[in-house]
Amino acid sequence: MNSKRKGNAGEWAFIHWLREHGYPGAHRNELSGGLKPKGDIGGVEGLTIEVKTCKALKVQTAWRQVQQDNEGTGNKPILAV
């Protein structure tokens, strides 16, 4: 499985978990055009969620990414691994 597929699978797995635990509106943010949603997963009010599915995680790099995505949103950044 290539890294893009693995990432998509990880995002969907986390979305299903969120839905099962009280967040029925959780959805995958599609990155298209000039409108860039914040984080990998939307529909969870107050949170910017970035999902990482990889063998070797660079935690500091991943955390910087979610903080950057979260900037100016007023949300709490979440890094799901």
PDB file of N, CA and C in Angstrom:
ATOM      1  N   MET A   1       0.853  -1.171   0.000  1.00  0.00           N
ATOM      2  CA  MET A   1       0.000   0.000   0.000  1.00  0.00           C
ATOM      3  C   MET A   1       0.902   1.237   0.000  1.00  0.00           C
ATOM      4  N   ASN A   2       0.626   2.175  -0.937  1.00  0.00           N
ATOM      5  CA  ASN A   2       1.468   3.363  -0.979  1.00  0.00           C
ATOM      6  C   ASN A   2       1.113   4.316   0.163  1.00  0.00           C
ATOM      7  N   SER A   3       1.937   5.335   0.383  1.00  0.00           N
ATOM      8  CA  SER A   3       1.756   6.206   1.541  1.00  0.00           C
ATOM      9  C   SER A   3       0.467   7.019   1.477  1.00  0.00           C
ATOM     10  N   LYS A   4       0.039   7.418   0.271  1.00  0.00           N
ATOM     11  CA  LYS A   4      -1.210   8.178   0.139  1.00  0.00           C
ATOM     12  C   LYS A   4      -2.405   7.317   0.544  1.00  0.00           C
ATOM     13  N   ARG A   5      -2.432   6.080   0.063  1.00  0.00           N
ATOM     14  CA  ARG A   5      -3.516   5.155   0.425  1.00  0.00           C
ATOM     15  C   ARG A   5      -3.512   4.859   1.921  1.00  0.00           C
ATOM     16  N   LYS A   6      -2.299   4.668   2.463  1.00  0.00           N
ATOM     17  CA  LYS A   6      -2.161   4.380   3.887  1.00  0.00           C
ATOM     18  C   LYS A   6      -2.675   5.570   4.709  1.00  0.00           C
ATOM     19  N   GLY A   7      -2.335   6.787   4.278  1.00  0.00           N
ATOM     20  CA  GLY A   7      -2.816   7.982   4.965  1.00  0.00           C
ATOM     21  C   GLY A   7      -4.320   8.111   4.908  1.00  0.00           C
ATOM     22  N   ASN A   8      -4.899   7.875   3.723  1.00  0.00           N
ATOM     23  CA  ASN A   8      -6.362   7.935   3.576  1.00  0.00           C
ATOM     24  C   ASN A   8      -7.040   6.895   4.462  1.00  0.00           C
ATOM     25  N   ALA A   9      -6.483   5.697   4.497  1.00  0.00           N
ATOM     26  CA  ALA A   9      -7.055   4.626   5.320  1.00  0.00           C
ATOM     27  C   ALA A   9      -7.008   5.003   6.803  1.00  0.00           C
ATOM     28  N   GLY A  10      -5.907   5.603   7.222  1.00  0.00           N
ATOM     29  CA  GLY A  10      -5.781   6.038   8.616  1.00  0.00           C
ATOM     30  C   GLY A  10      -6.784   7.125   8.965  1.00  0.00           C
ATOM     31  N   GLU A  11      -6.976   8.064   8.041  1.00  0.00           N
ATOM     32  CA  GLU A  11      -7.955   9.130   8.271  1.00  0.00           C
ATOM     33  C   GLU A  11      -9.363   8.553   8.395  1.00  0.00           C
ATOM     34  N   TRP A  12      -9.715   7.644   7.485  1.00  0.00           N
ATOM     35  CA  TRP A  12     -11.052   7.051   7.534  1.00  0.00           C
ATOM     36  C   TRP A  12     -11.251   6.224   8.796  1.00  0.00           C
ATOM     37  N   ALA A  13     -10.220   5.514   9.237  1.00  0.00           N
ATOM     38  CA  ALA A  13     -10.327   4.733  10.470  1.00  0.00           C
ATOM     39  C   ALA A  13     -10.596   5.654  11.658  1.00  0.00           C
ATOM     40  N   PHE A  14      -9.923   6.800  11.698  1.00  0.00           N
ATOM     41  CA  PHE A  14     -10.125   7.731  12.805  1.00  0.00           C
ATOM     42  C   PHE A  14     -11.503   8.386  12.713  1.00  0.00           C
ATOM     43  N   ILE A  15     -11.952   8.677  11.500  1.00  0.00           N
ATOM     44  CA  ILE A  15     -13.297   9.235  11.310  1.00  0.00           C
ATOM     45  C   ILE A  15     -14.346   8.259  11.841  1.00  0.00           C
ATOM     46  N   HIS A  16     -14.210   6.989  11.516  1.00  0.00           N
ATOM     47  CA  HIS A  16     -15.166   5.976  12.005  1.00  0.00           C
ATOM     48  C   HIS A  16     -15.141   5.917  13.535  1.00  0.00           C
ATOM     49  N   TRP A  17     -13.957   5.996  14.123  1.00  0.00           N
ATOM     50  CA  TRP A  17     -13.844   5.991  15.576  1.00  0.00           C
ATOM     51  C   TRP A  17     -14.562   7.210  16.164  1.00  0.00           C
ATOM     52  N   LEU A  18     -14.328   8.387  15.570  1.00  0.00           N
ATOM     53  CA  LEU A  18     -14.991   9.598  16.054  1.00  0.00           C
ATOM     54  C   LEU A  18     -16.513   9.468  15.974  1.00  0.00           C
ATOM     55  N   ARG A  19     -16.995   8.957  14.853  1.00  0.00           N
ATOM     56  CA  ARG A  19     -18.444   8.792  14.674  1.00  0.00           C
ATOM     57  C   ARG A  19     -19.028   7.842  15.709  1.00  0.00           C
ATOM     58  N   GLU A  20     -18.301   6.781  16.017  1.00  0.00           N
ATOM     59  CA  GLU A  20     -18.762   5.812  17.013  1.00  0.00           C
ATOM     60  C   GLU A  20     -18.727   6.375  18.429  1.00  0.00           C
ATOM     61  N   HIS A  21     -17.970   7.458  18.622  1.00  0.00           N
ATOM     62  CA  HIS A  21     -17.805   8.033  19.955  1.00  0.00           C
ATOM     63  C   HIS A  21     -18.417   9.430  20.076  1.00  0.00           C
ATOM     64  N   GLY A  22     -19.496   9.653  19.332  1.00  0.00           N
ATOM     65  CA  GLY A  22     -20.281  10.863  19.549  1.00  0.00           C
ATOM     66  C   GLY A  22     -20.046  12.042  18.632  1.00  0.00           C
ATOM     67  N   TYR A  23     -19.313  11.845  17.549  1.00  0.00           N
ATOM     68  CA  TYR A  23     -19.073  12.921  16.588  1.00  0.00           C
ATOM     69  C   TYR A  23     -19.573  12.503  15.205  1.00  0.00           C
ATOM     70  N   PRO A  24     -20.899  12.458  15.015  1.00  0.00           N
ATOM     71  CA  PRO A  24     -21.477  11.946  13.768  1.00  0.00           C
ATOM     72  C   PRO A  24     -21.143  12.793  12.535  1.00  0.00           C
ATOM     73  N   GLY A  25     -20.761  14.049  12.744  1.00  0.00           N
ATOM     74  CA  GLY A  25     -20.447  14.925  11.616  1.00  0.00           C
ATOM     75  C   GLY A  25     -18.998  14.867  11.161  1.00  0.00           C
ATOM     76  N   ALA A  26     -18.185  14.017  11.780  1.00  0.00           N
ATOM     77  CA  ALA A  26     -16.774  13.923  11.401  1.00  0.00           C
ATOM     78  C   ALA A  26     -16.658  13.522   9.933  1.00  0.00           C
ATOM     79  N   HIS A  27     -15.792  14.225   9.203  1.00  0.00           N
ATOM     80  CA  HIS A  27     -15.595  13.946   7.781  1.00  0.00           C
ATOM     81  C   HIS A  27     -14.165  14.279   7.373  1.00  0.00           C
ATOM     82  N   ARG A  28     -13.776  13.727   6.260  1.00  0.00           N
ATOM     83  CA  ARG A  28     -12.444  13.971   5.708  1.00  0.00           C
ATOM     84  C   ARG A  28     -12.465  15.285   4.945  1.00  0.00           C
ATOM     85  N   ASN A  29     -11.530  16.168   5.262  1.00  0.00           N
ATOM     86  CA  ASN A  29     -11.402  17.414   4.525  1.00  0.00           C
ATOM     87  C   ASN A  29     -10.716  17.137   3.195  1.00  0.00           C
ATOM     88  N   GLU A  30     -11.370  17.511   2.128  1.00  0.00           N
ATOM     89  CA  GLU A  30     -10.778  17.377   0.798  1.00  0.00           C
ATOM     90  C   GLU A  30      -9.970  18.639   0.521  1.00  0.00           C
ATOM     91  N   LEU A  31      -8.749  18.479   0.108  1.00  0.00           N
ATOM     92  CA  LEU A  31      -7.904  19.623  -0.196  1.00  0.00           C
ATOM     93  C   LEU A  31      -8.042  19.941  -1.679  1.00  0.00           C
ATOM     94  N   SER A  32      -8.777  21.013  -1.982  1.00  0.00           N
ATOM     95  CA  SER A  32      -8.999  21.340  -3.390  1.00  0.00           C
ATOM     96  C   SER A  32      -8.955  22.838  -3.602  1.00  0.00           C
ATOM     97  N   GLY A  33      -8.399  23.242  -4.745  1.00  0.00           N
ATOM     98  CA  GLY A  33      -8.381  24.643  -5.144  1.00  0.00           C
ATOM     99  C   GLY A  33      -7.729  25.536  -4.105  1.00  0.00           C
ATOM    100  N   GLY A  34      -8.201  26.777  -4.026  1.00  0.00           N
ATOM    101  CA  GLY A  34      -7.638  27.743  -3.103  1.00  0.00           C
ATOM    102  C   GLY A  34      -8.244  27.656  -1.714  1.00  0.00           C
ATOM    103  N   LEU A  35      -9.285  26.851  -1.560  1.00  0.00           N
ATOM    104  CA  LEU A  35      -9.916  26.722  -0.248  1.00  0.00           C
ATOM    105  C   LEU A  35      -9.274  25.562   0.489  1.00  0.00           C
ATOM    106  N   LYS A  36      -8.386  25.879   1.415  1.00  0.00           N
ATOM    107  CA  LYS A  36      -7.702  24.820   2.140  1.00  0.00           C
ATOM    108  C   LYS A  36      -8.321  24.662   3.521  1.00  0.00           C
ATOM    109  N   PRO A  37      -9.052  23.576   3.743  1.00  0.00           N
ATOM    110  CA  PRO A  37      -9.585  23.332   5.085  1.00  0.00           C
ATOM    111  C   PRO A  37      -8.440  23.142   6.073  1.00  0.00           C
ATOM    112  N   LYS A  38      -8.714  23.352   7.308  1.00  0.00           N
ATOM    113  CA  LYS A  38      -7.698  23.201   8.348  1.00  0.00           C
ATOM    114  C   LYS A  38      -7.747  21.789   8.908  1.00  0.00           C
ATOM    115  N   GLY A  39      -6.625  21.081   8.799  1.00  0.00           N
ATOM    116  CA  GLY A  39      -6.534  19.724   9.321  1.00  0.00           C
ATOM    117  C   GLY A  39      -7.065  18.685   8.345  1.00  0.00           C
ATOM    118  N   ASP A  40      -6.838  17.422   8.690  1.00  0.00           N
ATOM    119  CA  ASP A  40      -7.276  16.307   7.843  1.00  0.00           C
ATOM    120  C   ASP A  40      -8.757  16.001   8.013  1.00  0.00           C
ATOM    121  N   ILE A  41      -9.266  16.232   9.230  1.00  0.00           N
ATOM    122  CA  ILE A  41     -10.641  15.854   9.554  1.00  0.00           C
ATOM    123  C   ILE A  41     -11.412  17.078  10.009  1.00  0.00           C
ATOM    124  N   GLY A  42     -12.590  17.251   9.446  1.00  0.00           N
ATOM    125  CA  GLY A  42     -13.472  18.342   9.827  1.00  0.00           C
ATOM    126  C   GLY A  42     -14.718  17.803  10.501  1.00  0.00           C
ATOM    127  N   GLY A  43     -15.600  18.725  10.874  1.00  0.00           N
ATOM    128  CA  GLY A  43     -16.865  18.330  11.463  1.00  0.00           C
ATOM    129  C   GLY A  43     -16.805  18.049  12.952  1.00  0.00           C
ATOM    130  N   VAL A  44     -15.681  18.387  13.583  1.00  0.00           N
ATOM    131  CA  VAL A  44     -15.542  18.222  15.022  1.00  0.00           C
ATOM    132  C   VAL A  44     -15.261  19.615  15.583  1.00  0.00           C
ATOM    133  N   GLU A  45     -16.304  20.243  16.065  1.00  0.00           N
ATOM    134  CA  GLU A  45     -16.219  21.638  16.485  1.00  0.00           C
ATOM    135  C   GLU A  45     -15.145  21.866  17.541  1.00  0.00           C
ATOM    136  N   GLY A  46     -14.346  22.907  17.303  1.00  0.00           N
ATOM    137  CA  GLY A  46     -13.335  23.299  18.275  1.00  0.00           C
ATOM    138  C   GLY A  46     -12.010  22.579  18.160  1.00  0.00           C
ATOM    139  N   LEU A  47     -11.896  21.659  17.187  1.00  0.00           N
ATOM    140  CA  LEU A  47     -10.654  20.903  17.037  1.00  0.00           C
ATOM    141  C   LEU A  47     -10.116  20.997  15.612  1.00  0.00           C
ATOM    142  N   THR A  48      -8.801  21.080  15.499  1.00  0.00           N
ATOM    143  CA  THR A  48      -8.106  20.916  14.231  1.00  0.00           C
ATOM    144  C   THR A  48      -7.370  19.592  14.345  1.00  0.00           C
ATOM    145  N   ILE A  49      -7.775  18.608  13.532  1.00  0.00           N
ATOM    146  CA  ILE A  49      -7.243  17.247  13.671  1.00  0.00           C
ATOM    147  C   ILE A  49      -6.370  16.889  12.480  1.00  0.00           C
ATOM    148  N   GLU A  50      -5.151  16.481  12.786  1.00  0.00           N
ATOM    149  CA  GLU A  50      -4.198  15.984  11.791  1.00  0.00           C
ATOM    150  C   GLU A  50      -3.944  14.520  12.120  1.00  0.00           C
ATOM    151  N   VAL A  51      -4.061  13.641  11.122  1.00  0.00           N
ATOM    152  CA  VAL A  51      -3.863  12.202  11.319  1.00  0.00           C
ATOM    153  C   VAL A  51      -2.579  11.770  10.621  1.00  0.00           C
ATOM    154  N   LYS A  52      -1.757  11.020  11.325  1.00  0.00           N
ATOM    155  CA  LYS A  52      -0.510  10.494  10.757  1.00  0.00           C
ATOM    156  C   LYS A  52      -0.520   8.977  10.866  1.00  0.00           C
ATOM    157  N   THR A  53      -0.295   8.326   9.736  1.00  0.00           N
ATOM    158  CA  THR A  53      -0.204   6.870   9.676  1.00  0.00           C
ATOM    159  C   THR A  53       1.113   6.550   8.970  1.00  0.00           C
ATOM    160  N   CYS A  54       2.140   6.250   9.738  1.00  0.00           N
ATOM    161  CA  CYS A  54       3.447   6.001   9.134  1.00  0.00           C
ATOM    162  C   CYS A  54       4.281   5.106  10.041  1.00  0.00           C
ATOM    163  N   LYS A  55       5.332   4.544   9.452  1.00  0.00           N
ATOM    164  CA  LYS A  55       6.229   3.679  10.213  1.00  0.00           C
ATOM    165  C   LYS A  55       7.112   4.497  11.149  1.00  0.00           C
ATOM    166  N   ALA A  56       7.674   5.564  10.613  1.00  0.00           N
ATOM    167  CA  ALA A  56       8.586   6.403  11.395  1.00  0.00           C
ATOM    168  C   ALA A  56       8.001   7.804  11.480  1.00  0.00           C
ATOM    169  N   LEU A  57       7.513   8.154  12.639  1.00  0.00           N
ATOM    170  CA  LEU A  57       6.882   9.456  12.824  1.00  0.00           C
ATOM    171  C   LEU A  57       7.883  10.460  13.366  1.00  0.00           C
ATOM    172  N   LYS A  58       7.955  11.595  12.722  1.00  0.00           N
ATOM    173  CA  LYS A  58       8.747  12.715  13.226  1.00  0.00           C
ATOM    174  C   LYS A  58       7.769  13.601  13.993  1.00  0.00           C
ATOM    175  N   VAL A  59       7.672  13.363  15.293  1.00  0.00           N
ATOM    176  CA  VAL A  59       6.651  13.984  16.119  1.00  0.00           C
ATOM    177  C   VAL A  59       6.728  15.511  16.061  1.00  0.00           C
ATOM    178  N   GLN A  60       7.912  16.067  16.179  1.00  0.00           N
ATOM    179  CA  GLN A  60       8.042  17.528  16.176  1.00  0.00           C
ATOM    180  C   GLN A  60       7.569  18.123  14.849  1.00  0.00           C
ATOM    181  N   THR A  61       7.896  17.479  13.748  1.00  0.00           N
ATOM    182  CA  THR A  61       7.468  17.947  12.431  1.00  0.00           C
ATOM    183  C   THR A  61       5.956  17.851  12.291  1.00  0.00           C
ATOM    184  N   ALA A  62       5.394  16.736  12.720  1.00  0.00           N
ATOM    185  CA  ALA A  62       3.941  16.542  12.646  1.00  0.00           C
ATOM    186  C   ALA A  62       3.222  17.540  13.540  1.00  0.00           C
ATOM    187  N   TRP A  63       3.755  17.789  14.734  1.00  0.00           N
ATOM    188  CA  TRP A  63       3.130  18.737  15.653  1.00  0.00           C
ATOM    189  C   TRP A  63       3.185  20.155  15.090  1.00  0.00           C
ATOM    190  N   ARG A  64       4.311  20.524  14.469  1.00  0.00           N
ATOM    191  CA  ARG A  64       4.409  21.845  13.826  1.00  0.00           C
ATOM    192  C   ARG A  64       3.356  21.987  12.726  1.00  0.00           C
ATOM    193  N   GLN A  65       3.114  20.908  11.974  1.00  0.00           N
ATOM    194  CA  GLN A  65       2.120  20.948  10.901  1.00  0.00           C
ATOM    195  C   GLN A  65       0.728  21.209  11.446  1.00  0.00           C
ATOM    196  N   VAL A  66       0.338  20.485  12.503  1.00  0.00           N
ATOM    197  CA  VAL A  66      -1.001  20.693  13.048  1.00  0.00           C
ATOM    198  C   VAL A  66      -1.110  22.074  13.693  1.00  0.00           C
ATOM    199  N   GLN A  67      -0.062  22.566  14.299  1.00  0.00           N
ATOM    200  CA  GLN A  67      -0.091  23.919  14.861  1.00  0.00           C
ATOM    201  C   GLN A  67      -0.239  24.961  13.755  1.00  0.00           C
ATOM    202  N   GLN A  68       0.459  24.756  12.647  1.00  0.00           N
ATOM    203  CA  GLN A  68       0.362  25.669  11.512  1.00  0.00           C
ATOM    204  C   GLN A  68      -1.051  25.628  10.912  1.00  0.00           C
ATOM    205  N   ASP A  69      -1.601  24.435  10.734  1.00  0.00           N
ATOM    206  CA  ASP A  69      -2.970  24.297  10.216  1.00  0.00           C
ATOM    207  C   ASP A  69      -3.980  24.950  11.161  1.00  0.00           C
ATOM    208  N   ASN A  70      -3.693  24.908  12.443  1.00  0.00           N
ATOM    209  CA  ASN A  70      -4.602  25.415  13.468  1.00  0.00           C
ATOM    210  C   ASN A  70      -4.536  26.939  13.633  1.00  0.00           C
ATOM    211  N   GLU A  71      -3.457  27.520  13.171  1.00  0.00           N
ATOM    212  CA  GLU A  71      -3.218  28.949  13.371  1.00  0.00           C
ATOM    213  C   GLU A  71      -4.412  29.811  12.953  1.00  0.00           C
ATOM    214  N   GLY A  72      -4.850  30.657  13.871  1.00  0.00           N
ATOM    215  CA  GLY A  72      -5.931  31.584  13.579  1.00  0.00           C
ATOM    216  C   GLY A  72      -7.336  31.006  13.633  1.00  0.00           C
ATOM    217  N   THR A  73      -7.461  29.739  14.014  1.00  0.00           N
ATOM    218  CA  THR A  73      -8.790  29.105  14.033  1.00  0.00           C
ATOM    219  C   THR A  73      -9.487  29.235  15.376  1.00  0.00           C
ATOM    220  N   GLY A  74      -8.712  29.393  16.442  1.00  0.00           N
ATOM    221  CA  GLY A  74      -9.291  29.377  17.779  1.00  0.00           C
ATOM    222  C   GLY A  74      -9.583  27.970  18.271  1.00  0.00           C
ATOM    223  N   ASN A  75      -9.202  26.964  17.486  1.00  0.00           N
ATOM    224  CA  ASN A  75      -9.416  25.555  17.838  1.00  0.00           C
ATOM    225  C   ASN A  75      -8.258  25.017  18.663  1.00  0.00           C
ATOM    226  N   LYS A  76      -8.455  23.823  19.204  1.00  0.00           N
ATOM    227  CA  LYS A  76      -7.372  23.094  19.873  1.00  0.00           C
ATOM    228  C   LYS A  76      -6.770  22.148  18.836  1.00  0.00           C
ATOM    229  N   PRO A  77      -5.425  22.135  18.721  1.00  0.00           N
ATOM    230  CA  PRO A  77      -4.791  21.217  17.772  1.00  0.00           C
ATOM    231  C   PRO A  77      -4.737  19.801  18.337  1.00  0.00           C
ATOM    232  N   ILE A  78      -5.035  18.823  17.468  1.00  0.00           N
ATOM    233  CA  ILE A  78      -4.992  17.407  17.841  1.00  0.00           C
ATOM    234  C   ILE A  78      -4.149  16.669  16.807  1.00  0.00           C
ATOM    235  N   LEU A  79      -3.180  15.902  17.286  1.00  0.00           N
ATOM    236  CA  LEU A  79      -2.374  15.037  16.424  1.00  0.00           C
ATOM    237  C   LEU A  79      -2.752  13.610  16.754  1.00  0.00           C
ATOM    238  N   ALA A  80      -3.393  12.925  15.800  1.00  0.00           N
ATOM    239  CA  ALA A  80      -3.802  11.526  15.989  1.00  0.00           C
ATOM    240  C   ALA A  80      -2.829  10.633  15.241  1.00  0.00           C
ATOM    241  N   VAL A  81      -2.267   9.677  15.948  1.00  0.00           N
ATOM    242  CA  VAL A  81      -1.253   8.790  15.358  1.00  0.00           C
ATOM    243  C   VAL A  81      -1.779   7.369  15.359  1.00  0.00           C
TER     244      VAL A  81
END
